[in-house]
């Protein structure tokens, strides 16, 4: 896995994961795309928790 070099993209991904948790994957996808995150990265972080970087927060469903 490559080390992060683009801190703007790294921050967008972290924010996108919060959007995913709060508003769902479609909103997160739109947010990430709007912030210039490449499609392969969007797929990696939204589709598979196991393929996220170690520094990415782990999604935990909210209790209702």
PDB file of N, CA and C in Angstrom:
ATOM      1  N   UNK A   1       0.842  -1.171   0.000  1.00  0.00           N
ATOM      2  CA  UNK A   1       0.000   0.000   0.000  1.00  0.00           C
ATOM      3  C   UNK A   1       0.892   1.240   0.000  1.00  0.00           C
ATOM      4  N   UNK A   2       0.486   2.239  -0.733  1.00  0.00           N
ATOM      5  CA  UNK A   2       1.268   3.470  -0.828  1.00  0.00           C
ATOM      6  C   UNK A   2       1.004   4.374   0.372  1.00  0.00           C
ATOM      7  N   UNK A   3       2.030   5.116   0.761  1.00  0.00           N
ATOM      8  CA  UNK A   3       1.863   6.107   1.811  1.00  0.00           C
ATOM      9  C   UNK A   3       1.139   7.316   1.243  1.00  0.00           C
ATOM     10  N   UNK A   4       0.387   7.969   2.069  1.00  0.00           N
ATOM     11  CA  UNK A   4      -0.313   9.167   1.628  1.00  0.00           C
ATOM     12  C   UNK A   4       0.676  10.295   1.403  1.00  0.00           C
ATOM     13  N   UNK A   5       0.518  10.960   0.264  1.00  0.00           N
ATOM     14  CA  UNK A   5       1.350  12.116  -0.054  1.00  0.00           C
ATOM     15  C   UNK A   5       0.510  13.363  -0.225  1.00  0.00           C
ATOM     16  N   UNK A   6      -0.759  13.190  -0.484  1.00  0.00           N
ATOM     17  CA  UNK A   6      -1.667  14.296  -0.754  1.00  0.00           C
ATOM     18  C   UNK A   6      -2.579  14.488   0.461  1.00  0.00           C
ATOM     19  N   UNK A   7      -2.232  15.426   1.309  1.00  0.00           N
ATOM     20  CA  UNK A   7      -2.990  15.616   2.544  1.00  0.00           C
ATOM     21  C   UNK A   7      -4.396  16.166   2.289  1.00  0.00           C
ATOM     22  N   UNK A   8      -4.591  16.888   1.200  1.00  0.00           N
ATOM     23  CA  UNK A   8      -5.939  17.368   0.877  1.00  0.00           C
ATOM     24  C   UNK A   8      -6.864  16.191   0.581  1.00  0.00           C
ATOM     25  N   UNK A   9      -6.364  15.234  -0.204  1.00  0.00           N
ATOM     26  CA  UNK A   9      -7.162  14.049  -0.511  1.00  0.00           C
ATOM     27  C   UNK A   9      -7.374  13.223   0.744  1.00  0.00           C
ATOM     28  N   UNK A  10      -6.342  13.092   1.564  1.00  0.00           N
ATOM     29  CA  UNK A  10      -6.467  12.340   2.813  1.00  0.00           C
ATOM     30  C   UNK A  10      -7.559  12.939   3.694  1.00  0.00           C
ATOM     31  N   UNK A  11      -7.589  14.255   3.802  1.00  0.00           N
ATOM     32  CA  UNK A  11      -8.612  14.914   4.622  1.00  0.00           C
ATOM     33  C   UNK A  11      -9.991  14.727   4.003  1.00  0.00           C
ATOM     34  N   UNK A  12     -10.085  14.821   2.686  1.00  0.00           N
ATOM     35  CA  UNK A  12     -11.374  14.614   2.017  1.00  0.00           C
ATOM     36  C   UNK A  12     -11.892  13.205   2.274  1.00  0.00           C
ATOM     37  N   UNK A  13     -10.989  12.215   2.237  1.00  0.00           N
ATOM     38  CA  UNK A  13     -11.393  10.829   2.497  1.00  0.00           C
ATOM     39  C   UNK A  13     -11.902  10.691   3.928  1.00  0.00           C
ATOM     40  N   UNK A  14     -11.193  11.261   4.881  1.00  0.00           N
ATOM     41  CA  UNK A  14     -11.645  11.180   6.272  1.00  0.00           C
ATOM     42  C   UNK A  14     -13.003  11.835   6.441  1.00  0.00           C
ATOM     43  N   UNK A  15     -13.193  12.997   5.832  1.00  0.00           N
ATOM     44  CA  UNK A  15     -14.495  13.672   5.901  1.00  0.00           C
ATOM     45  C   UNK A  15     -15.564  12.850   5.185  1.00  0.00           C
ATOM     46  N   UNK A  16     -15.200  12.237   4.057  1.00  0.00           N
ATOM     47  CA  UNK A  16     -16.141  11.407   3.312  1.00  0.00           C
ATOM     48  C   UNK A  16     -16.618  10.216   4.113  1.00  0.00           C
ATOM     49  N   UNK A  17     -15.746   9.654   4.947  1.00  0.00           N
ATOM     50  CA  UNK A  17     -16.152   8.533   5.790  1.00  0.00           C
ATOM     51  C   UNK A  17     -17.154   8.975   6.849  1.00  0.00           C
ATOM     52  N   UNK A  18     -17.025  10.194   7.313  1.00  0.00           N
ATOM     53  CA  UNK A  18     -18.010  10.738   8.252  1.00  0.00           C
ATOM     54  C   UNK A  18     -19.339  10.942   7.530  1.00  0.00           C
ATOM     55  N   UNK A  19     -19.279  11.487   6.327  1.00  0.00           N
ATOM     56  CA  UNK A  19     -20.501  11.665   5.533  1.00  0.00           C
ATOM     57  C   UNK A  19     -21.162  10.311   5.303  1.00  0.00           C
ATOM     58  N   UNK A  20     -20.368   9.288   5.021  1.00  0.00           N
ATOM     59  CA  UNK A  20     -20.897   7.935   4.812  1.00  0.00           C
ATOM     60  C   UNK A  20     -21.652   7.465   6.045  1.00  0.00           C
ATOM     61  N   UNK A  21     -21.069   7.669   7.212  1.00  0.00           N
ATOM     62  CA  UNK A  21     -21.700   7.216   8.448  1.00  0.00           C
ATOM     63  C   UNK A  21     -22.998   7.966   8.725  1.00  0.00           C
ATOM     64  N   UNK A  22     -23.004   9.255   8.466  1.00  0.00           N
ATOM     65  CA  UNK A  22     -24.161  10.091   8.806  1.00  0.00           C
ATOM     66  C   UNK A  22     -25.240  10.058   7.733  1.00  0.00           C
ATOM     67  N   UNK A  23     -24.840  10.165   6.469  1.00  0.00           N
ATOM     68  CA  UNK A  23     -25.815  10.328   5.377  1.00  0.00           C
ATOM     69  C   UNK A  23     -25.842   9.199   4.361  1.00  0.00           C
ATOM     70  N   UNK A  24     -24.943   8.224   4.482  1.00  0.00           N
ATOM     71  CA  UNK A  24     -24.951   7.083   3.578  1.00  0.00           C
ATOM     72  C   UNK A  24     -23.935   7.200   2.457  1.00  0.00           C
ATOM     73  N   UNK A  25     -23.764   6.078   1.770  1.00  0.00           N
ATOM     74  CA  UNK A  25     -22.725   5.952   0.751  1.00  0.00           C
ATOM     75  C   UNK A  25     -22.933   6.851  -0.465  1.00  0.00           C
ATOM     76  N   UNK A  26     -24.177   7.050  -0.876  1.00  0.00           N
ATOM     77  CA  UNK A  26     -24.421   7.900  -2.050  1.00  0.00           C
ATOM     78  C   UNK A  26     -23.966   9.335  -1.775  1.00  0.00           C
ATOM     79  N   UNK A  27     -24.282   9.839  -0.598  1.00  0.00           N
ATOM     80  CA  UNK A  27     -23.837  11.191  -0.238  1.00  0.00           C
ATOM     81  C   UNK A  27     -22.328  11.250  -0.100  1.00  0.00           C
ATOM     82  N   UNK A  28     -21.750  10.207   0.476  1.00  0.00           N
ATOM     83  CA  UNK A  28     -20.289  10.162   0.632  1.00  0.00           C
ATOM     84  C   UNK A  28     -19.614  10.139  -0.729  1.00  0.00           C
ATOM     85  N   UNK A  29     -20.156   9.349  -1.655  1.00  0.00           N
ATOM     86  CA  UNK A  29     -19.590   9.285  -3.006  1.00  0.00           C
ATOM     87  C   UNK A  29     -19.612  10.681  -3.637  1.00  0.00           C
ATOM     88  N   UNK A  30     -20.743  11.343  -3.549  1.00  0.00           N
ATOM     89  CA  UNK A  30     -20.867  12.680  -4.138  1.00  0.00           C
ATOM     90  C   UNK A  30     -19.872  13.645  -3.500  1.00  0.00           C
ATOM     91  N   UNK A  31     -19.741  13.590  -2.190  1.00  0.00           N
ATOM     92  CA  UNK A  31     -18.801  14.463  -1.483  1.00  0.00           C
ATOM     93  C   UNK A  31     -17.369  14.194  -1.951  1.00  0.00           C
ATOM     94  N   UNK A  32     -16.992  12.937  -1.990  1.00  0.00           N
ATOM     95  CA  UNK A  32     -15.622  12.585  -2.380  1.00  0.00           C
ATOM     96  C   UNK A  32     -15.332  12.978  -3.826  1.00  0.00           C
ATOM     97  N   UNK A  33     -16.267  12.708  -4.715  1.00  0.00           N
ATOM     98  CA  UNK A  33     -16.080  13.072  -6.119  1.00  0.00           C
ATOM     99  C   UNK A  33     -15.952  14.582  -6.275  1.00  0.00           C
ATOM    100  N   UNK A  34     -16.782  15.321  -5.546  1.00  0.00           N
ATOM    101  CA  UNK A  34     -16.751  16.788  -5.599  1.00  0.00           C
ATOM    102  C   UNK A  34     -15.405  17.334  -5.111  1.00  0.00           C
ATOM    103  N   UNK A  35     -14.751  16.597  -4.240  1.00  0.00           N
ATOM    104  CA  UNK A  35     -13.462  17.028  -3.689  1.00  0.00           C
ATOM    105  C   UNK A  35     -12.278  16.405  -4.419  1.00  0.00           C
ATOM    106  N   UNK A  36     -12.532  15.840  -5.594  1.00  0.00           N
ATOM    107  CA  UNK A  36     -11.459  15.378  -6.461  1.00  0.00           C
ATOM    108  C   UNK A  36     -10.818  14.056  -6.089  1.00  0.00           C
ATOM    109  N   UNK A  37     -11.477  13.281  -5.257  1.00  0.00           N
ATOM    110  CA  UNK A  37     -10.933  11.969  -4.896  1.00  0.00           C
ATOM    111  C   UNK A  37     -11.143  11.036  -6.090  1.00  0.00           C
ATOM    112  N   UNK A  38     -10.096  10.348  -6.540  1.00  0.00           N
ATOM    113  CA  UNK A  38     -10.227   9.457  -7.698  1.00  0.00           C
ATOM    114  C   UNK A  38     -11.204   8.309  -7.433  1.00  0.00           C
ATOM    115  N   UNK A  39     -11.916   7.909  -8.478  1.00  0.00           N
ATOM    116  CA  UNK A  39     -12.918   6.849  -8.362  1.00  0.00           C
ATOM    117  C   UNK A  39     -12.376   5.575  -7.723  1.00  0.00           C
ATOM    118  N   UNK A  40     -11.186   5.082  -8.084  1.00  0.00           N
ATOM    119  CA  UNK A  40     -10.694   3.861  -7.426  1.00  0.00           C
ATOM    120  C   UNK A  40     -10.539   4.020  -5.905  1.00  0.00           C
ATOM    121  N   UNK A  41     -10.173   5.215  -5.473  1.00  0.00           N
ATOM    122  CA  UNK A  41     -10.035   5.463  -4.037  1.00  0.00           C
ATOM    123  C   UNK A  41     -11.412   5.491  -3.381  1.00  0.00           C
ATOM    124  N   UNK A  42     -12.363   6.132  -4.029  1.00  0.00           N
ATOM    125  CA  UNK A  42     -13.732   6.170  -3.502  1.00  0.00           C
ATOM    126  C   UNK A  42     -14.256   4.744  -3.332  1.00  0.00           C
ATOM    127  N   UNK A  43     -14.094   3.942  -4.345  1.00  0.00           N
ATOM    128  CA  UNK A  43     -14.553   2.550  -4.264  1.00  0.00           C
ATOM    129  C   UNK A  43     -13.876   1.815  -3.120  1.00  0.00           C
ATOM    130  N   UNK A  44     -12.561   1.995  -3.006  1.00  0.00           N
ATOM    131  CA  UNK A  44     -11.812   1.279  -1.970  1.00  0.00           C
ATOM    132  C   UNK A  44     -12.316   1.631  -0.576  1.00  0.00           C
ATOM    133  N   UNK A  45     -12.510   2.907  -0.310  1.00  0.00           N
ATOM    134  CA  UNK A  45     -12.882   3.294   1.060  1.00  0.00           C
ATOM    135  C   UNK A  45     -14.357   3.085   1.365  1.00  0.00           C
ATOM    136  N   UNK A  46     -15.218   3.149   0.371  1.00  0.00           N
ATOM    137  CA  UNK A  46     -16.643   2.987   0.649  1.00  0.00           C
ATOM    138  C   UNK A  46     -17.115   1.540   0.578  1.00  0.00           C
ATOM    139  N   UNK A  47     -16.464   0.728  -0.235  1.00  0.00           N
ATOM    140  CA  UNK A  47     -16.953  -0.631  -0.448  1.00  0.00           C
ATOM    141  C   UNK A  47     -16.392  -1.623   0.560  1.00  0.00           C
ATOM    142  N   UNK A  48     -15.150  -1.478   0.927  1.00  0.00           N
ATOM    143  CA  UNK A  48     -14.525  -2.503   1.748  1.00  0.00           C
ATOM    144  C   UNK A  48     -13.748  -1.907   2.908  1.00  0.00           C
ATOM    145  N   UNK A  49     -14.212  -2.145   4.117  1.00  0.00           N
ATOM    146  CA  UNK A  49     -13.497  -1.662   5.291  1.00  0.00           C
ATOM    147  C   UNK A  49     -12.106  -2.263   5.383  1.00  0.00           C
ATOM    148  N   UNK A  50     -11.953  -3.493   4.940  1.00  0.00           N
ATOM    149  CA  UNK A  50     -10.656  -4.158   5.069  1.00  0.00           C
ATOM    150  C   UNK A  50      -9.610  -3.569   4.143  1.00  0.00           C
ATOM    151  N   UNK A  51     -10.027  -2.804   3.124  1.00  0.00           N
ATOM    152  CA  UNK A  51      -9.064  -2.206   2.199  1.00  0.00           C
ATOM    153  C   UNK A  51      -8.778  -0.748   2.525  1.00  0.00           C
ATOM    154  N   UNK A  52      -9.319  -0.255   3.621  1.00  0.00           N
ATOM    155  CA  UNK A  52      -9.015   1.107   4.044  1.00  0.00           C
ATOM    156  C   UNK A  52      -7.617   1.141   4.633  1.00  0.00           C
ATOM    157  N   UNK A  53      -7.024   2.294   4.589  1.00  0.00           N
ATOM    158  CA  UNK A  53      -5.716   2.464   5.218  1.00  0.00           C
ATOM    159  C   UNK A  53      -5.876   2.334   6.726  1.00  0.00           C
ATOM    160  N   UNK A  54      -4.797   1.956   7.387  1.00  0.00           N
ATOM    161  CA  UNK A  54      -4.843   1.789   8.836  1.00  0.00           C
ATOM    162  C   UNK A  54      -5.270   3.064   9.546  1.00  0.00           C
ATOM    163  N   UNK A  55      -4.958   4.214   8.972  1.00  0.00           N
ATOM    164  CA  UNK A  55      -5.294   5.476   9.623  1.00  0.00           C
ATOM    165  C   UNK A  55      -6.741   5.900   9.391  1.00  0.00           C
ATOM    166  N   UNK A  56      -7.447   5.235   8.455  1.00  0.00           N
ATOM    167  CA  UNK A  56      -8.841   5.582   8.213  1.00  0.00           C
ATOM    168  C   UNK A  56      -9.693   5.080   9.375  1.00  0.00           C
ATOM    169  N   UNK A  57     -10.670   5.875   9.801  1.00  0.00           N
ATOM    170  CA  UNK A  57     -11.525   5.412  10.891  1.00  0.00           C
ATOM    171  C   UNK A  57     -12.327   4.185  10.465  1.00  0.00           C
ATOM    172  N   UNK A  58     -12.586   3.330  11.411  1.00  0.00           N
ATOM    173  CA  UNK A  58     -13.384   2.132  11.141  1.00  0.00           C
ATOM    174  C   UNK A  58     -14.843   2.490  11.347  1.00  0.00           C
ATOM    175  N   UNK A  59     -15.654   2.170  10.364  1.00  0.00           N
ATOM    176  CA  UNK A  59     -17.082   2.455  10.442  1.00  0.00           C
ATOM    177  C   UNK A  59     -17.715   1.552  11.486  1.00  0.00           C
ATOM    178  N   UNK A  60     -18.453   2.129  12.380  1.00  0.00           N
ATOM    179  CA  UNK A  60     -19.252   1.360  13.334  1.00  0.00           C
ATOM    180  C   UNK A  60     -20.672   1.882  13.260  1.00  0.00           C
ATOM    181  N   UNK A  61     -21.628   1.006  12.968  1.00  0.00           N
ATOM    182  CA  UNK A  61     -23.009   1.459  12.835  1.00  0.00           C
ATOM    183  C   UNK A  61     -23.502   2.117  14.120  1.00  0.00           C
ATOM    184  N   UNK A  62     -24.301   3.137  13.945  1.00  0.00           N
ATOM    185  CA  UNK A  62     -24.872   3.828  15.095  1.00  0.00           C
ATOM    186  C   UNK A  62     -25.998   2.989  15.693  1.00  0.00           C
ATOM    187  N   UNK A  63     -26.132   3.018  17.000  1.00  0.00           N
ATOM    188  CA  UNK A  63     -27.249   2.348  17.661  1.00  0.00           C
ATOM    189  C   UNK A  63     -28.473   3.235  17.602  1.00  0.00           C
ATOM    190  N   UNK A  64     -29.612   2.650  17.362  1.00  0.00           N
ATOM    191  CA  UNK A  64     -30.859   3.432  17.319  1.00  0.00           C
ATOM    192  C   UNK A  64     -31.581   3.365  18.620  1.00  0.00           C
TER     193      UNK A  64
END
